[in-house]
N, C-alpha and C. Protein backbone atom coordinates (compact mmCIF):
# COMPACT_ATOMS: atom_id res chain seq x y z
N MET A 1 -0.11 -14.71 7.66
CA MET A 1 -0.56 -14.82 6.66
C MET A 1 -1.35 -13.65 5.74
N LEU A 2 -1.02 -13.31 4.60
CA LEU A 2 -1.68 -12.07 4.05
C LEU A 2 -2.55 -12.85 2.69
N ARG A 3 -3.59 -12.50 2.38
CA ARG A 3 -4.33 -12.75 1.04
C ARG A 3 -4.24 -11.59 0.04
N ILE A 4 -3.76 -11.68 -1.06
CA ILE A 4 -3.63 -10.75 -2.03
C ILE A 4 -4.41 -11.11 -3.06
N THR A 5 -5.30 -9.77 -3.72
CA THR A 5 -6.15 -10.08 -4.81
C THR A 5 -5.82 -8.70 -5.34
N THR A 6 -6.04 -8.90 -6.78
CA THR A 6 -6.26 -7.70 -7.57
C THR A 6 -7.50 -7.77 -8.39
N GLU A 7 -8.01 -6.59 -8.59
CA GLU A 7 -9.22 -6.37 -8.91
C GLU A 7 -9.25 -5.28 -10.10
N ALA A 8 -9.81 -5.48 -11.20
CA ALA A 8 -9.75 -4.41 -12.41
C ALA A 8 -10.93 -3.68 -12.61
N SER A 9 -10.97 -2.39 -12.49
CA SER A 9 -12.33 -1.52 -12.50
C SER A 9 -11.85 -0.51 -13.55
N PRO A 10 -13.07 0.27 -14.19
CA PRO A 10 -12.77 1.41 -14.86
C PRO A 10 -12.14 2.37 -14.31
N HIS A 11 -11.58 2.40 -13.14
CA HIS A 11 -10.71 3.42 -12.73
C HIS A 11 -9.43 2.94 -12.37
N GLY A 12 -9.02 1.84 -12.81
CA GLY A 12 -7.76 1.04 -12.68
C GLY A 12 -7.79 -0.03 -11.89
N MET A 13 -6.64 -0.47 -11.58
CA MET A 13 -6.55 -1.82 -10.86
C MET A 13 -6.60 -1.47 -9.19
N ARG A 14 -6.87 -2.30 -8.29
CA ARG A 14 -7.07 -2.47 -7.04
C ARG A 14 -6.11 -3.62 -6.85
N ILE A 15 -5.49 -3.35 -5.67
CA ILE A 15 -4.73 -4.64 -4.77
C ILE A 15 -5.45 -4.49 -3.47
N LYS A 16 -5.82 -5.70 -3.09
CA LYS A 16 -6.70 -5.80 -1.88
C LYS A 16 -5.90 -6.91 -1.00
N LEU A 17 -5.71 -6.33 0.00
CA LEU A 17 -4.82 -7.16 1.32
C LEU A 17 -6.04 -7.42 2.25
N GLU A 18 -5.79 -8.68 2.89
CA GLU A 18 -6.62 -9.18 4.02
C GLU A 18 -5.49 -10.15 4.55
N GLY A 19 -5.04 -9.55 5.76
CA GLY A 19 -4.49 -10.38 6.84
C GLY A 19 -3.33 -9.27 7.36
N ARG A 20 -2.11 -9.93 7.40
CA ARG A 20 -0.89 -9.06 8.04
C ARG A 20 0.14 -8.82 7.10
N LEU A 21 0.31 -7.51 7.10
CA LEU A 21 1.48 -6.80 5.84
C LEU A 21 2.63 -6.93 6.64
N VAL A 22 3.38 -8.00 6.86
CA VAL A 22 4.48 -8.39 7.60
C VAL A 22 5.46 -9.22 7.11
N GLY A 23 6.77 -9.24 7.27
CA GLY A 23 7.68 -10.30 7.06
C GLY A 23 7.62 -10.35 5.43
N PRO A 24 7.65 -11.61 5.05
CA PRO A 24 7.90 -12.05 3.48
C PRO A 24 6.86 -11.53 2.67
N TRP A 25 5.71 -11.18 3.55
CA TRP A 25 4.38 -10.58 2.80
C TRP A 25 4.53 -9.72 1.98
N VAL A 26 5.25 -8.71 2.79
CA VAL A 26 5.75 -7.33 2.09
C VAL A 26 6.32 -7.40 0.90
N ASN A 27 7.36 -8.35 0.88
CA ASN A 27 8.10 -8.48 -0.63
C ASN A 27 7.39 -9.02 -1.42
N GLU A 28 6.06 -9.83 -1.29
CA GLU A 28 5.08 -10.38 -2.19
C GLU A 28 4.19 -9.17 -2.71
N VAL A 29 3.82 -8.47 -1.88
CA VAL A 29 2.85 -6.97 -2.23
C VAL A 29 3.44 -6.29 -3.10
N ASP A 30 4.90 -6.25 -2.67
CA ASP A 30 5.99 -5.15 -3.53
C ASP A 30 6.02 -5.67 -4.97
N SER A 31 6.03 -7.20 -5.30
CA SER A 31 6.17 -7.96 -6.29
C SER A 31 4.87 -7.44 -7.13
N VAL A 32 3.79 -7.46 -6.40
CA VAL A 32 2.53 -7.44 -7.34
C VAL A 32 2.25 -6.16 -7.59
N TRP A 33 2.50 -5.05 -6.75
CA TRP A 33 2.37 -3.75 -7.00
C TRP A 33 3.55 -3.22 -8.27
N THR A 34 4.65 -3.70 -7.93
CA THR A 34 5.41 -3.44 -9.27
C THR A 34 5.11 -3.70 -10.66
N SER A 35 4.59 -5.14 -10.47
CA SER A 35 4.27 -5.75 -11.83
C SER A 35 3.01 -5.00 -12.29
N LEU A 36 2.34 -4.76 -11.41
CA LEU A 36 1.06 -3.76 -11.95
C LEU A 36 1.42 -2.20 -12.30
N ARG A 37 2.37 -1.51 -11.69
CA ARG A 37 2.72 -0.38 -11.97
C ARG A 37 3.49 -0.29 -13.51
N ALA A 38 3.88 -1.37 -14.13
CA ALA A 38 4.11 -1.61 -15.47
C ALA A 38 3.41 -0.87 -16.40
N GLY A 39 2.09 -1.16 -16.32
CA GLY A 39 0.83 -0.70 -16.93
C GLY A 39 0.86 0.77 -16.45
N GLU A 40 -0.19 1.14 -17.65
CA GLU A 40 -0.53 2.65 -17.53
C GLU A 40 -1.99 2.92 -16.54
N GLN A 41 -2.47 1.68 -15.89
CA GLN A 41 -3.49 2.10 -15.26
C GLN A 41 -3.14 2.60 -14.04
N ARG A 42 -4.24 3.37 -13.34
CA ARG A 42 -4.32 4.02 -12.00
C ARG A 42 -4.30 2.98 -11.03
N LEU A 43 -3.42 2.98 -9.84
CA LEU A 43 -3.37 1.83 -8.72
C LEU A 43 -3.89 2.29 -7.57
N SER A 44 -4.63 1.29 -6.81
CA SER A 44 -5.11 1.71 -5.27
C SER A 44 -4.71 0.36 -4.58
N VAL A 45 -4.88 0.40 -3.29
CA VAL A 45 -4.63 -0.62 -2.16
C VAL A 45 -5.65 -0.60 -1.53
N ASP A 46 -6.06 -1.57 -1.09
CA ASP A 46 -7.48 -1.72 -0.23
C ASP A 46 -6.57 -2.14 0.97
N LEU A 47 -6.63 -1.55 2.10
CA LEU A 47 -6.02 -1.93 3.52
C LEU A 47 -7.18 -2.36 4.41
N CYS A 48 -8.39 -2.19 3.88
CA CYS A 48 -9.65 -2.12 5.01
C CYS A 48 -9.73 -3.54 5.71
N SER A 49 -9.00 -4.53 5.21
CA SER A 49 -9.02 -6.19 5.89
C SER A 49 -7.51 -6.23 6.45
N VAL A 50 -6.36 -5.41 6.74
CA VAL A 50 -5.15 -5.65 7.18
C VAL A 50 -5.34 -5.45 8.71
N SER A 51 -4.86 -6.44 9.40
CA SER A 51 -4.78 -6.39 10.91
C SER A 51 -3.43 -6.05 11.54
N ALA A 52 -2.38 -6.04 10.66
CA ALA A 52 -1.31 -5.41 11.11
C ALA A 52 -0.23 -5.33 10.06
N VAL A 53 0.53 -4.25 10.43
CA VAL A 53 1.48 -3.81 9.30
C VAL A 53 2.91 -3.63 10.18
N ASP A 54 4.07 -4.46 9.61
CA ASP A 54 5.35 -4.15 10.39
C ASP A 54 6.14 -2.65 9.58
N GLU A 55 7.32 -2.39 9.78
CA GLU A 55 8.07 -1.50 9.34
C GLU A 55 8.50 -1.12 7.97
N ASN A 56 8.71 -2.70 7.47
CA ASN A 56 8.91 -2.81 6.36
C ASN A 56 7.71 -2.65 5.25
N GLY A 57 6.42 -3.02 5.95
CA GLY A 57 5.34 -2.93 5.40
C GLY A 57 4.84 -1.28 5.22
N LYS A 58 5.26 -0.55 6.20
CA LYS A 58 4.97 0.88 6.42
C LYS A 58 5.80 1.66 5.10
N GLU A 59 7.08 1.09 5.26
CA GLU A 59 7.89 1.72 3.99
C GLU A 59 7.48 1.40 2.76
N LEU A 60 6.99 0.37 2.47
CA LEU A 60 6.35 -0.15 1.10
C LEU A 60 4.98 0.96 0.83
N LEU A 61 4.18 1.08 1.77
CA LEU A 61 3.20 1.76 1.82
C LEU A 61 3.26 3.21 1.46
N SER A 62 4.47 3.92 2.15
CA SER A 62 5.15 5.03 1.78
C SER A 62 5.45 5.24 0.69
N ARG A 63 6.32 4.06 -0.21
CA ARG A 63 6.87 4.32 -1.33
C ARG A 63 5.77 4.24 -2.35
N MET A 64 4.51 3.51 -1.98
CA MET A 64 3.61 3.54 -2.93
C MET A 64 2.65 4.76 -3.28
N HIS A 65 2.66 5.34 -1.92
CA HIS A 65 2.01 6.68 -2.20
C HIS A 65 3.02 7.53 -2.64
N ARG A 66 4.29 7.76 -2.64
CA ARG A 66 5.01 8.62 -3.38
C ARG A 66 4.84 8.46 -4.90
N ASN A 67 4.49 7.19 -5.24
CA ASN A 67 4.48 6.71 -6.58
C ASN A 67 3.08 6.98 -7.12
N GLY A 68 2.25 7.61 -6.51
CA GLY A 68 0.64 8.04 -6.74
C GLY A 68 -0.17 6.84 -6.87
N THR A 69 0.06 5.79 -5.91
CA THR A 69 -0.81 4.62 -5.55
C THR A 69 -1.75 5.19 -4.45
N GLU A 70 -2.87 5.26 -4.64
CA GLU A 70 -4.07 5.56 -3.55
C GLU A 70 -4.11 4.32 -2.50
N LEU A 71 -4.16 4.78 -1.41
CA LEU A 71 -4.25 3.85 0.04
C LEU A 71 -5.41 4.05 0.43
N ILE A 72 -6.11 3.04 0.73
CA ILE A 72 -7.52 3.03 0.85
C ILE A 72 -7.80 2.42 2.45
N ALA A 73 -8.19 2.98 3.50
CA ALA A 73 -8.62 2.44 4.71
C ALA A 73 -9.91 2.97 5.54
N ASP A 74 -10.06 2.28 6.28
CA ASP A 74 -11.32 2.28 7.02
C ASP A 74 -11.32 2.17 8.46
N ALA A 75 -10.61 1.42 8.76
CA ALA A 75 -10.36 1.53 10.54
C ALA A 75 -9.74 2.13 11.20
N PRO A 76 -9.75 2.57 12.37
CA PRO A 76 -8.74 3.71 13.10
C PRO A 76 -7.32 3.25 12.92
N MET A 77 -7.08 1.94 12.94
CA MET A 77 -5.55 1.44 12.87
C MET A 77 -5.27 1.70 11.66
N THR A 78 -5.74 1.10 10.40
CA THR A 78 -5.43 1.39 9.05
C THR A 78 -5.59 2.82 8.63
N LYS A 79 -6.38 3.73 9.18
CA LYS A 79 -6.18 4.78 8.85
C LYS A 79 -4.85 5.72 9.32
N TYR A 80 -4.69 5.25 10.54
CA TYR A 80 -3.46 5.83 11.32
C TYR A 80 -2.14 5.43 10.45
N ILE A 81 -2.08 4.14 9.90
CA ILE A 81 -0.70 3.53 9.30
C ILE A 81 -0.95 4.37 8.15
N VAL A 82 -2.01 4.45 7.27
CA VAL A 82 -2.02 5.25 5.82
C VAL A 82 -1.50 6.79 6.29
N ALA A 83 -2.09 7.31 7.19
CA ALA A 83 -1.59 8.59 7.65
C ALA A 83 -0.16 8.90 7.91
N GLU A 84 0.70 7.98 8.79
CA GLU A 84 2.07 7.84 8.96
C GLU A 84 2.59 7.53 7.32
N ALA A 85 2.15 6.76 6.60
CA ALA A 85 2.82 6.47 5.22
C ALA A 85 2.78 7.91 4.41
N VAL A 86 1.95 8.50 4.26
CA VAL A 86 1.49 9.77 3.79
C VAL A 86 2.58 10.50 4.15
N ARG A 87 2.61 10.95 5.69
CA ARG A 87 3.40 11.89 6.08
C ARG A 87 5.06 11.55 5.75
N GLU A 88 5.32 10.46 5.86
CA GLU A 88 6.67 9.76 5.79
C GLU A 88 6.86 10.18 4.11
N ALA A 89 5.96 9.98 3.39
CA ALA A 89 6.19 10.28 1.70
C ALA A 89 6.13 11.68 1.62
N GLU A 90 5.51 12.37 2.11
CA GLU A 90 5.82 13.68 2.10
C GLU A 90 6.99 14.38 2.59
N SER A 91 7.31 13.84 3.59
CA SER A 91 8.69 14.20 4.16
C SER A 91 9.57 13.93 3.49
N LEU A 92 9.96 12.75 2.83
CA LEU A 92 10.87 12.72 1.95
C LEU A 92 10.74 13.37 0.51
N ARG A 93 9.86 13.51 0.17
CA ARG A 93 9.46 14.25 -1.11
C ARG A 93 9.94 16.07 -0.86
N GLU A 94 10.03 16.37 0.16
CA GLU A 94 10.26 17.76 0.66
C GLU A 94 11.95 17.75 0.99
N GLY A 95 12.40 16.40 1.43
CA GLY A 95 13.87 16.48 1.46
C GLY A 95 14.06 16.66 3.00
N ARG A 96 13.21 16.20 3.90
CA ARG A 96 13.59 16.48 5.32
C ARG A 96 13.86 14.94 5.97
N LYS A 97 14.14 14.04 4.82
CA LYS A 97 14.75 12.69 5.55
C LYS A 97 15.96 12.60 5.15
C-alpha cells in the first residue's frame, strides 16, 4: 500500500509518499510525477515515510533525479536508496551504462 499526496509550496510541488514504493504503485507514482512535470514548477519527492522500494521503484527514482526532481530522505534506508538512484542517474548521464 502506498499513500500519495501532492502539496503546493512557494518553491514548487512536492509529492509525498507514505508506505511501499513497489509493484503497481510505481506506475501510479510515475503517472502523478509525469502529470506534474507538465507544469513549469519545481518538483520534489518526499520519501521520508517510505518503508520499501523495489527495483522498478529505484529505476523511477533514478529517472526522476535525471529529470531534475529533488529526492528527499531522512532515514538511513531511504538515504541509501536515494544515493543509489543518484549514482545510477549520474552513471547513465555519463554514458557508463
